[in-house]
PDB file of N, CA and C in Angstrom:
ATOM      1  N   MET A   1       0.811  -1.186   0.000  1.00  0.00           N
ATOM      2  CA  MET A   1       0.000   0.000   0.000  1.00  0.00           C
ATOM      3  C   MET A   1       0.857   1.253   0.000  1.00  0.00           C
ATOM      4  N   ALA A   2       1.894   1.247  -0.749  1.00  0.00           N
ATOM      5  CA  ALA A   2       2.796   2.385  -0.790  1.00  0.00           C
ATOM      6  C   ALA A   2       2.065   3.619  -1.290  1.00  0.00           C
ATOM      7  N   GLY A   3       2.458   4.773  -0.769  1.00  0.00           N
ATOM      8  CA  GLY A   3       1.871   6.014  -1.207  1.00  0.00           C
ATOM      9  C   GLY A   3       0.775   6.538  -0.295  1.00  0.00           C
ATOM     10  N   THR A   4       0.302   5.752   0.627  1.00  0.00           N
ATOM     11  CA  THR A   4      -0.707   6.217   1.565  1.00  0.00           C
ATOM     12  C   THR A   4      -0.024   6.715   2.833  1.00  0.00           C
ATOM     13  N   TRP A   5      -0.719   7.517   3.627  1.00  0.00           N
ATOM     14  CA  TRP A   5      -0.119   8.053   4.855  1.00  0.00           C
ATOM     15  C   TRP A   5       0.142   6.944   5.868  1.00  0.00           C
ATOM     16  N   ASN A   6      -0.600   5.844   5.780  1.00  0.00           N
ATOM     17  CA  ASN A   6      -0.400   4.713   6.682  1.00  0.00           C
ATOM     18  C   ASN A   6      -0.197   3.473   5.823  1.00  0.00           C
ATOM     19  N   SER A   7       1.051   3.112   5.611  1.00  0.00           N
ATOM     20  CA  SER A   7       1.347   1.988   4.728  1.00  0.00           C
ATOM     21  C   SER A   7       0.923   0.647   5.322  1.00  0.00           C
ATOM     22  N   ARG A   8       0.495   0.630   6.560  1.00  0.00           N
ATOM     23  CA  ARG A   8       0.033  -0.604   7.209  1.00  0.00           C
ATOM     24  C   ARG A   8      -1.477  -0.580   7.466  1.00  0.00           C
ATOM     25  N   LEU A   9      -2.217   0.192   6.676  1.00  0.00           N
ATOM     26  CA  LEU A   9      -3.656   0.287   6.860  1.00  0.00           C
ATOM     27  C   LEU A   9      -4.343  -1.072   6.710  1.00  0.00           C
ATOM     28  N   ASP A  10      -3.839  -1.938   5.830  1.00  0.00           N
ATOM     29  CA  ASP A  10      -4.421  -3.279   5.678  1.00  0.00           C
ATOM     30  C   ASP A  10      -4.284  -4.083   6.969  1.00  0.00           C
ATOM     31  N   VAL A  11      -3.163  -3.924   7.672  1.00  0.00           N
ATOM     32  CA  VAL A  11      -2.977  -4.610   8.954  1.00  0.00           C
ATOM     33  C   VAL A  11      -3.976  -4.069   9.967  1.00  0.00           C
ATOM     34  N   THR A  12      -4.098  -2.753  10.026  1.00  0.00           N
ATOM     35  CA  THR A  12      -5.045  -2.126  10.951  1.00  0.00           C
ATOM     36  C   THR A  12      -6.456  -2.647  10.718  1.00  0.00           C
ATOM     37  N   GLU A  13      -6.887  -2.678   9.472  1.00  0.00           N
ATOM     38  CA  GLU A  13      -8.240  -3.134   9.153  1.00  0.00           C
ATOM     39  C   GLU A  13      -8.438  -4.600   9.519  1.00  0.00           C
ATOM     40  N   ALA A  14      -7.449  -5.441   9.241  1.00  0.00           N
ATOM     41  CA  ALA A  14      -7.558  -6.868   9.573  1.00  0.00           C
ATOM     42  C   ALA A  14      -7.636  -7.072  11.081  1.00  0.00           C
ATOM     43  N   LEU A  15      -6.843  -6.332  11.832  1.00  0.00           N
ATOM     44  CA  LEU A  15      -6.853  -6.474  13.291  1.00  0.00           C
ATOM     45  C   LEU A  15      -8.157  -5.952  13.884  1.00  0.00           C
ATOM     46  N   GLU A  16      -8.666  -4.850  13.363  1.00  0.00           N
ATOM     47  CA  GLU A  16      -9.953  -4.340  13.848  1.00  0.00           C
ATOM     48  C   GLU A  16     -11.067  -5.359  13.610  1.00  0.00           C
ATOM     49  N   THR A  17     -11.027  -6.027  12.473  1.00  0.00           N
ATOM     50  CA  THR A  17     -12.008  -7.075  12.173  1.00  0.00           C
ATOM     51  C   THR A  17     -11.908  -8.212  13.181  1.00  0.00           C
ATOM     52  N   ASP A  18     -10.698  -8.429  13.701  1.00  0.00           N
ATOM     53  CA  ASP A  18     -10.456  -9.492  14.674  1.00  0.00           C
ATOM     54  C   ASP A  18     -10.695  -9.034  16.118  1.00  0.00           C
ATOM     55  N   GLY A  19     -11.205  -7.826  16.309  1.00  0.00           N
ATOM     56  CA  GLY A  19     -11.536  -7.361  17.648  1.00  0.00           C
ATOM     57  C   GLY A  19     -10.505  -6.495  18.334  1.00  0.00           C
ATOM     58  N   TRP A  20      -9.439  -6.137  17.637  1.00  0.00           N
ATOM     59  CA  TRP A  20      -8.448  -5.243  18.218  1.00  0.00           C
ATOM     60  C   TRP A  20      -9.047  -3.843  18.264  1.00  0.00           C
ATOM     61  N   GLU A  21      -8.669  -3.065  19.278  1.00  0.00           N
ATOM     62  CA  GLU A  21      -9.196  -1.714  19.444  1.00  0.00           C
ATOM     63  C   GLU A  21      -8.087  -0.690  19.286  1.00  0.00           C
ATOM     64  N   GLY A  22      -8.393   0.359  18.540  1.00  0.00           N
ATOM     65  CA  GLY A  22      -7.435   1.435  18.324  1.00  0.00           C
ATOM     66  C   GLY A  22      -7.279   2.309  19.544  1.00  0.00           C
ATOM     67  N   ASP A  23      -6.088   2.818  19.715  1.00  0.00           N
ATOM     68  CA  ASP A  23      -5.783   3.745  20.803  1.00  0.00           C
ATOM     69  C   ASP A  23      -6.544   5.057  20.574  1.00  0.00           C
ATOM     70  N   ALA A  24      -7.007   5.688  21.629  1.00  0.00           N
ATOM     71  CA  ALA A  24      -7.781   6.925  21.510  1.00  0.00           C
ATOM     72  C   ALA A  24      -7.000   8.030  20.785  1.00  0.00           C
ATOM     73  N   ASP A  25      -5.697   8.103  21.010  1.00  0.00           N
ATOM     74  CA  ASP A  25      -4.880   9.150  20.389  1.00  0.00           C
ATOM     75  C   ASP A  25      -4.345   8.779  19.013  1.00  0.00           C
ATOM     76  N   ASN A  26      -4.322   7.500  18.688  1.00  0.00           N
ATOM     77  CA  ASN A  26      -3.770   7.041  17.416  1.00  0.00           C
ATOM     78  C   ASN A  26      -4.508   5.769  16.989  1.00  0.00           C
ATOM     79  N   PRO A  27      -5.795   5.862  16.655  1.00  0.00           N
ATOM     80  CA  PRO A  27      -6.605   4.668  16.427  1.00  0.00           C
ATOM     81  C   PRO A  27      -6.207   3.818  15.226  1.00  0.00           C
ATOM     82  N   LEU A  28      -5.513   4.391  14.250  1.00  0.00           N
ATOM     83  CA  LEU A  28      -5.113   3.610  13.083  1.00  0.00           C
ATOM     84  C   LEU A  28      -3.670   3.141  13.153  1.00  0.00           C
ATOM     85  N   GLY A  29      -2.921   3.627  14.134  1.00  0.00           N
ATOM     86  CA  GLY A  29      -1.509   3.286  14.213  1.00  0.00           C
ATOM     87  C   GLY A  29      -1.095   2.555  15.463  1.00  0.00           C
ATOM     88  N   LEU A  30      -2.029   2.359  16.416  1.00  0.00           N
ATOM     89  CA  LEU A  30      -1.720   1.652  17.658  1.00  0.00           C
ATOM     90  C   LEU A  30      -2.971   0.900  18.101  1.00  0.00           C
ATOM     91  N   LEU A  31      -2.884  -0.435  18.091  1.00  0.00           N
ATOM     92  CA  LEU A  31      -4.043  -1.255  18.431  1.00  0.00           C
ATOM     93  C   LEU A  31      -3.700  -2.236  19.543  1.00  0.00           C
ATOM     94  N   ARG A  32      -4.737  -2.607  20.310  1.00  0.00           N
ATOM     95  CA  ARG A  32      -4.549  -3.497  21.472  1.00  0.00           C
ATOM     96  C   ARG A  32      -5.620  -4.581  21.516  1.00  0.00           C
ATOM     97  N   LYS A  33      -5.205  -5.739  22.036  1.00  0.00           N
ATOM     98  CA  LYS A  33      -6.161  -6.811  22.312  1.00  0.00           C
ATOM     99  C   LYS A  33      -5.525  -7.783  23.300  1.00  0.00           C
ATOM    100  N   ASN A  34      -6.232  -8.067  24.392  1.00  0.00           N
ATOM    101  CA  ASN A  34      -5.802  -9.064  25.387  1.00  0.00           C
ATOM    102  C   ASN A  34      -4.359  -8.882  25.857  1.00  0.00           C
ATOM    103  N   GLY A  35      -3.922  -7.653  26.009  1.00  0.00           N
ATOM    104  CA  GLY A  35      -2.572  -7.387  26.481  1.00  0.00           C
ATOM    105  C   GLY A  35      -1.522  -7.290  25.393  1.00  0.00           C
ATOM    106  N   ALA A  36      -1.869  -7.645  24.166  1.00  0.00           N
ATOM    107  CA  ALA A  36      -0.947  -7.496  23.038  1.00  0.00           C
ATOM    108  C   ALA A  36      -1.137  -6.098  22.447  1.00  0.00           C
ATOM    109  N   VAL A  37      -0.035  -5.510  21.983  1.00  0.00           N
ATOM    110  CA  VAL A  37      -0.079  -4.164  21.410  1.00  0.00           C
ATOM    111  C   VAL A  37       0.711  -4.174  20.102  1.00  0.00           C
ATOM    112  N   TRP A  38       0.064  -3.720  19.029  1.00  0.00           N
ATOM    113  CA  TRP A  38       0.744  -3.567  17.747  1.00  0.00           C
ATOM    114  C   TRP A  38       0.701  -2.107  17.352  1.00  0.00           C
ATOM    115  N   GLY A  39       1.810  -1.602  16.808  1.00  0.00           N
ATOM    116  CA  GLY A  39       1.825  -0.211  16.389  1.00  0.00           C
ATOM    117  C   GLY A  39       2.784   0.050  15.254  1.00  0.00           C
ATOM    118  N   VAL A  40       2.438   1.045  14.456  1.00  0.00           N
ATOM    119  CA  VAL A  40       3.299   1.525  13.378  1.00  0.00           C
ATOM    120  C   VAL A  40       4.394   2.367  14.020  1.00  0.00           C
ATOM    121  N   THR A  41       5.642   2.116  13.645  1.00  0.00           N
ATOM    122  CA  THR A  41       6.759   2.822  14.274  1.00  0.00           C
ATOM    123  C   THR A  41       7.477   3.792  13.349  1.00  0.00           C
ATOM    124  N   SER A  42       7.109   3.798  12.056  1.00  0.00           N
ATOM    125  CA  SER A  42       7.734   4.747  11.133  1.00  0.00           C
ATOM    126  C   SER A  42       6.808   5.003   9.955  1.00  0.00           C
ATOM    127  N   GLY A  43       7.047   6.101   9.291  1.00  0.00           N
ATOM    128  CA  GLY A  43       6.266   6.441   8.112  1.00  0.00           C
ATOM    129  C   GLY A  43       6.511   5.520   6.937  1.00  0.00           C
ATOM    130  N   SER A  44       7.576   4.735   7.006  1.00  0.00           N
ATOM    131  CA  SER A  44       7.874   3.817   5.905  1.00  0.00           C
ATOM    132  C   SER A  44       7.226   2.448   6.076  1.00  0.00           C
ATOM    133  N   GLY A  45       6.490   2.242   7.184  1.00  0.00           N
ATOM    134  CA  GLY A  45       5.778   0.976   7.361  1.00  0.00           C
ATOM    135  C   GLY A  45       6.389   0.025   8.360  1.00  0.00           C
ATOM    136  N   ASP A  46       7.450   0.441   9.037  1.00  0.00           N
ATOM    137  CA  ASP A  46       7.976  -0.391  10.115  1.00  0.00           C
ATOM    138  C   ASP A  46       6.928  -0.447  11.219  1.00  0.00           C
ATOM    139  N   SER A  47       6.869  -1.569  11.927  1.00  0.00           N
ATOM    140  CA  SER A  47       5.923  -1.692  13.026  1.00  0.00           C
ATOM    141  C   SER A  47       6.491  -2.641  14.069  1.00  0.00           C
ATOM    142  N   SER A  48       5.793  -2.735  15.203  1.00  0.00           N
ATOM    143  CA  SER A  48       6.240  -3.656  16.242  1.00  0.00           C
ATOM    144  C   SER A  48       5.035  -4.231  16.972  1.00  0.00           C
ATOM    145  N   LEU A  49       5.253  -5.367  17.560  1.00  0.00           N
ATOM    146  CA  LEU A  49       4.250  -6.078  18.338  1.00  0.00           C
ATOM    147  C   LEU A  49       4.848  -6.380  19.700  1.00  0.00           C
ATOM    148  N   THR A  50       4.125  -6.014  20.748  1.00  0.00           N
ATOM    149  CA  THR A  50       4.526  -6.351  22.109  1.00  0.00           C
ATOM    150  C   THR A  50       3.506  -7.326  22.662  1.00  0.00           C
ATOM    151  N   GLY A  51       3.987  -8.467  23.127  1.00  0.00           N
ATOM    152  CA  GLY A  51       3.099  -9.501  23.655  1.00  0.00           C
ATOM    153  C   GLY A  51       2.727  -9.243  25.096  1.00  0.00           C
ATOM    154  N   PRO A  52       1.703  -9.932  25.571  1.00  0.00           N
ATOM    155  CA  PRO A  52       1.246  -9.771  26.947  1.00  0.00           C
ATOM    156  C   PRO A  52       2.336 -10.063  27.983  1.00  0.00           C
ATOM    157  N   GLU A  53       3.322 -10.883  27.611  1.00  0.00           N
ATOM    158  CA  GLU A  53       4.403 -11.244  28.523  1.00  0.00           C
ATOM    159  C   GLU A  53       5.532 -10.224  28.520  1.00  0.00           C
ATOM    160  N   GLY A  54       5.460  -9.212  27.639  1.00  0.00           N
ATOM    161  CA  GLY A  54       6.459  -8.162  27.599  1.00  0.00           C
ATOM    162  C   GLY A  54       7.490  -8.266  26.485  1.00  0.00           C
ATOM    163  N   TRP A  55       7.487  -9.326  25.698  1.00  0.00           N
ATOM    164  CA  TRP A  55       8.442  -9.444  24.596  1.00  0.00           C
ATOM    165  C   TRP A  55       8.011  -8.530  23.453  1.00  0.00           C
ATOM    166  N   THR A  56       8.936  -8.199  22.569  1.00  0.00           N
ATOM    167  CA  THR A  56       8.642  -7.329  21.428  1.00  0.00           C
ATOM    168  C   THR A  56       9.272  -7.905  20.167  1.00  0.00           C
ATOM    169  N   ILE A  57       8.517  -7.827  19.076  1.00  0.00           N
ATOM    170  CA  ILE A  57       9.017  -8.190  17.753  1.00  0.00           C
ATOM    171  C   ILE A  57       8.928  -6.943  16.890  1.00  0.00           C
ATOM    172  N   ASP A  58      10.034  -6.584  16.237  1.00  0.00           N
ATOM    173  CA  ASP A  58      10.035  -5.467  15.293  1.00  0.00           C
ATOM    174  C   ASP A  58       9.855  -6.017  13.889  1.00  0.00           C
ATOM    175  N   PHE A  59       8.961  -5.399  13.128  1.00  0.00           N
ATOM    176  CA  PHE A  59       8.710  -5.800  11.752  1.00  0.00           C
ATOM    177  C   PHE A  59       9.193  -4.699  10.815  1.00  0.00           C
ATOM    178  N   PRO A  60      10.255  -4.961  10.038  1.00  0.00           N
ATOM    179  CA  PRO A  60      10.682  -3.982   9.035  1.00  0.00           C
ATOM    180  C   PRO A  60       9.587  -3.794   7.979  1.00  0.00           C
ATOM    181  N   SER A  61       9.693  -2.737   7.224  1.00  0.00           N
ATOM    182  CA  SER A  61       8.667  -2.392   6.247  1.00  0.00           C
ATOM    183  C   SER A  61       8.481  -3.437   5.150  1.00  0.00           C
ATOM    184  N   ASP A  62       9.462  -4.310   4.937  1.00  0.00           N
ATOM    185  CA  ASP A  62       9.330  -5.304   3.874  1.00  0.00           C
ATOM    186  C   ASP A  62       8.650  -6.602   4.316  1.00  0.00           C
ATOM    187  N   VAL A  63       8.236  -6.704   5.571  1.00  0.00           N
ATOM    188  CA  VAL A  63       7.513  -7.886   6.042  1.00  0.00           C
ATOM    189  C   VAL A  63       6.069  -7.797   5.536  1.00  0.00           C
ATOM    190  N   PRO A  64       5.585  -8.835   4.847  1.00  0.00           N
ATOM    191  CA  PRO A  64       4.221  -8.796   4.320  1.00  0.00           C
ATOM    192  C   PRO A  64       3.172  -8.673   5.432  1.00  0.00           C
ATOM    193  N   ASP A  65       2.106  -7.940   5.131  1.00  0.00           N
ATOM    194  CA  ASP A  65       1.024  -7.705   6.081  1.00  0.00           C
ATOM    195  C   ASP A  65       0.480  -8.999   6.673  1.00  0.00           C
ATOM    196  N   LYS A  66       0.338 -10.032   5.849  1.00  0.00           N
ATOM    197  CA  LYS A  66      -0.280 -11.275   6.339  1.00  0.00           C
ATOM    198  C   LYS A  66       0.523 -11.904   7.475  1.00  0.00           C
ATOM    199  N   TYR A  67       1.836 -11.746   7.471  1.00  0.00           N
ATOM    200  CA  TYR A  67       2.651 -12.301   8.551  1.00  0.00           C
ATOM    201  C   TYR A  67       2.475 -11.490   9.836  1.00  0.00           C
ATOM    202  N   ILE A  68       2.399 -10.186   9.693  1.00  0.00           N
ATOM    203  CA  ILE A  68       2.190  -9.341  10.863  1.00  0.00           C
ATOM    204  C   ILE A  68       0.845  -9.651  11.500  1.00  0.00           C
ATOM    205  N   VAL A  69      -0.190  -9.743  10.680  1.00  0.00           N
ATOM    206  CA  VAL A  69      -1.526 -10.064  11.192  1.00  0.00           C
ATOM    207  C   VAL A  69      -1.515 -11.420  11.891  1.00  0.00           C
ATOM    208  N   GLY A  70      -0.855 -12.397  11.309  1.00  0.00           N
ATOM    209  CA  GLY A  70      -0.778 -13.729  11.922  1.00  0.00           C
ATOM    210  C   GLY A  70      -0.091 -13.703  13.277  1.00  0.00           C
ATOM    211  N   PHE A  71       1.052 -13.037  13.365  1.00  0.00           N
ATOM    212  CA  PHE A  71       1.754 -12.929  14.644  1.00  0.00           C
ATOM    213  C   PHE A  71       0.892 -12.214  15.681  1.00  0.00           C
ATOM    214  N   CYS A  72       0.201 -11.163  15.250  1.00  0.00           N
ATOM    215  CA  CYS A  72      -0.655 -10.410  16.178  1.00  0.00           C
ATOM    216  C   CYS A  72      -1.787 -11.273  16.715  1.00  0.00           C
ATOM    217  N   LYS A  73      -2.408 -12.049  15.847  1.00  0.00           N
ATOM    218  CA  LYS A  73      -3.508 -12.914  16.286  1.00  0.00           C
ATOM    219  C   LYS A  73      -3.022 -13.958  17.286  1.00  0.00           C
ATOM    220  N   VAL A  74      -1.858 -14.520  17.046  1.00  0.00           N
ATOM    221  CA  VAL A  74      -1.305 -15.502  17.986  1.00  0.00           C
ATOM    222  C   VAL A  74      -0.995 -14.823  19.320  1.00  0.00           C
ATOM    223  N   ALA A  75      -0.399 -13.645  19.276  1.00  0.00           N
ATOM    224  CA  ALA A  75      -0.045 -12.936  20.512  1.00  0.00           C
ATOM    225  C   ALA A  75      -1.297 -12.609  21.328  1.00  0.00           C
ATOM    226  N   ALA A  76      -2.372 -12.197  20.675  1.00  0.00           N
ATOM    227  CA  ALA A  76      -3.602 -11.835  21.392  1.00  0.00           C
ATOM    228  C   ALA A  76      -4.319 -13.061  21.926  1.00  0.00           C
ATOM    229  N   ALA A  77      -4.067 -14.215  21.355  1.00  0.00           N
ATOM    230  CA  ALA A  77      -4.712 -15.453  21.810  1.00  0.00           C
ATOM    231  C   ALA A  77      -3.992 -16.074  23.004  1.00  0.00           C
ATOM    232  N   ARG A  78      -2.739 -15.657  23.233  1.00  0.00           N
ATOM    233  CA  ARG A  78      -1.949 -16.212  24.344  1.00  0.00           C
ATOM    234  C   ARG A  78      -2.426 -15.660  25.667  1.00  0.00           C
ATOM    235  N   GLN A  79      -2.316 -16.439  26.669  1.00  0.00           N
ATOM    236  CA  GLN A  79      -2.645 -15.995  28.026  1.00  0.00           C
ATOM    237  C   GLN A  79      -1.347 -15.712  28.768  1.00  0.00           C
ATOM    238  N   SER A  80      -1.255 -14.541  29.366  1.00  0.00           N
ATOM    239  CA  SER A  80      -0.011 -14.214  30.085  1.00  0.00           C
ATOM    240  C   SER A  80      -0.006 -14.837  31.464  1.00  0.00           C
TER     241      SER A  80
END
């Protein structure tokens, strides 16, 4: 989705469909579910996921959206 202000909008939409909620101050760039937090970290599409246990995975801009969504769903399904 290059050329848009949020190059990870497809990830945001997929996570919202899965029940993730956007942050009040940044609803399209920071989402939460069950203690997991995913957020866009740069204008080029880098992002990161923090799990309920406190670990973090950084996703460079070249990681396909489907992998990010998959990791996020697994992280939100885990119990801390």
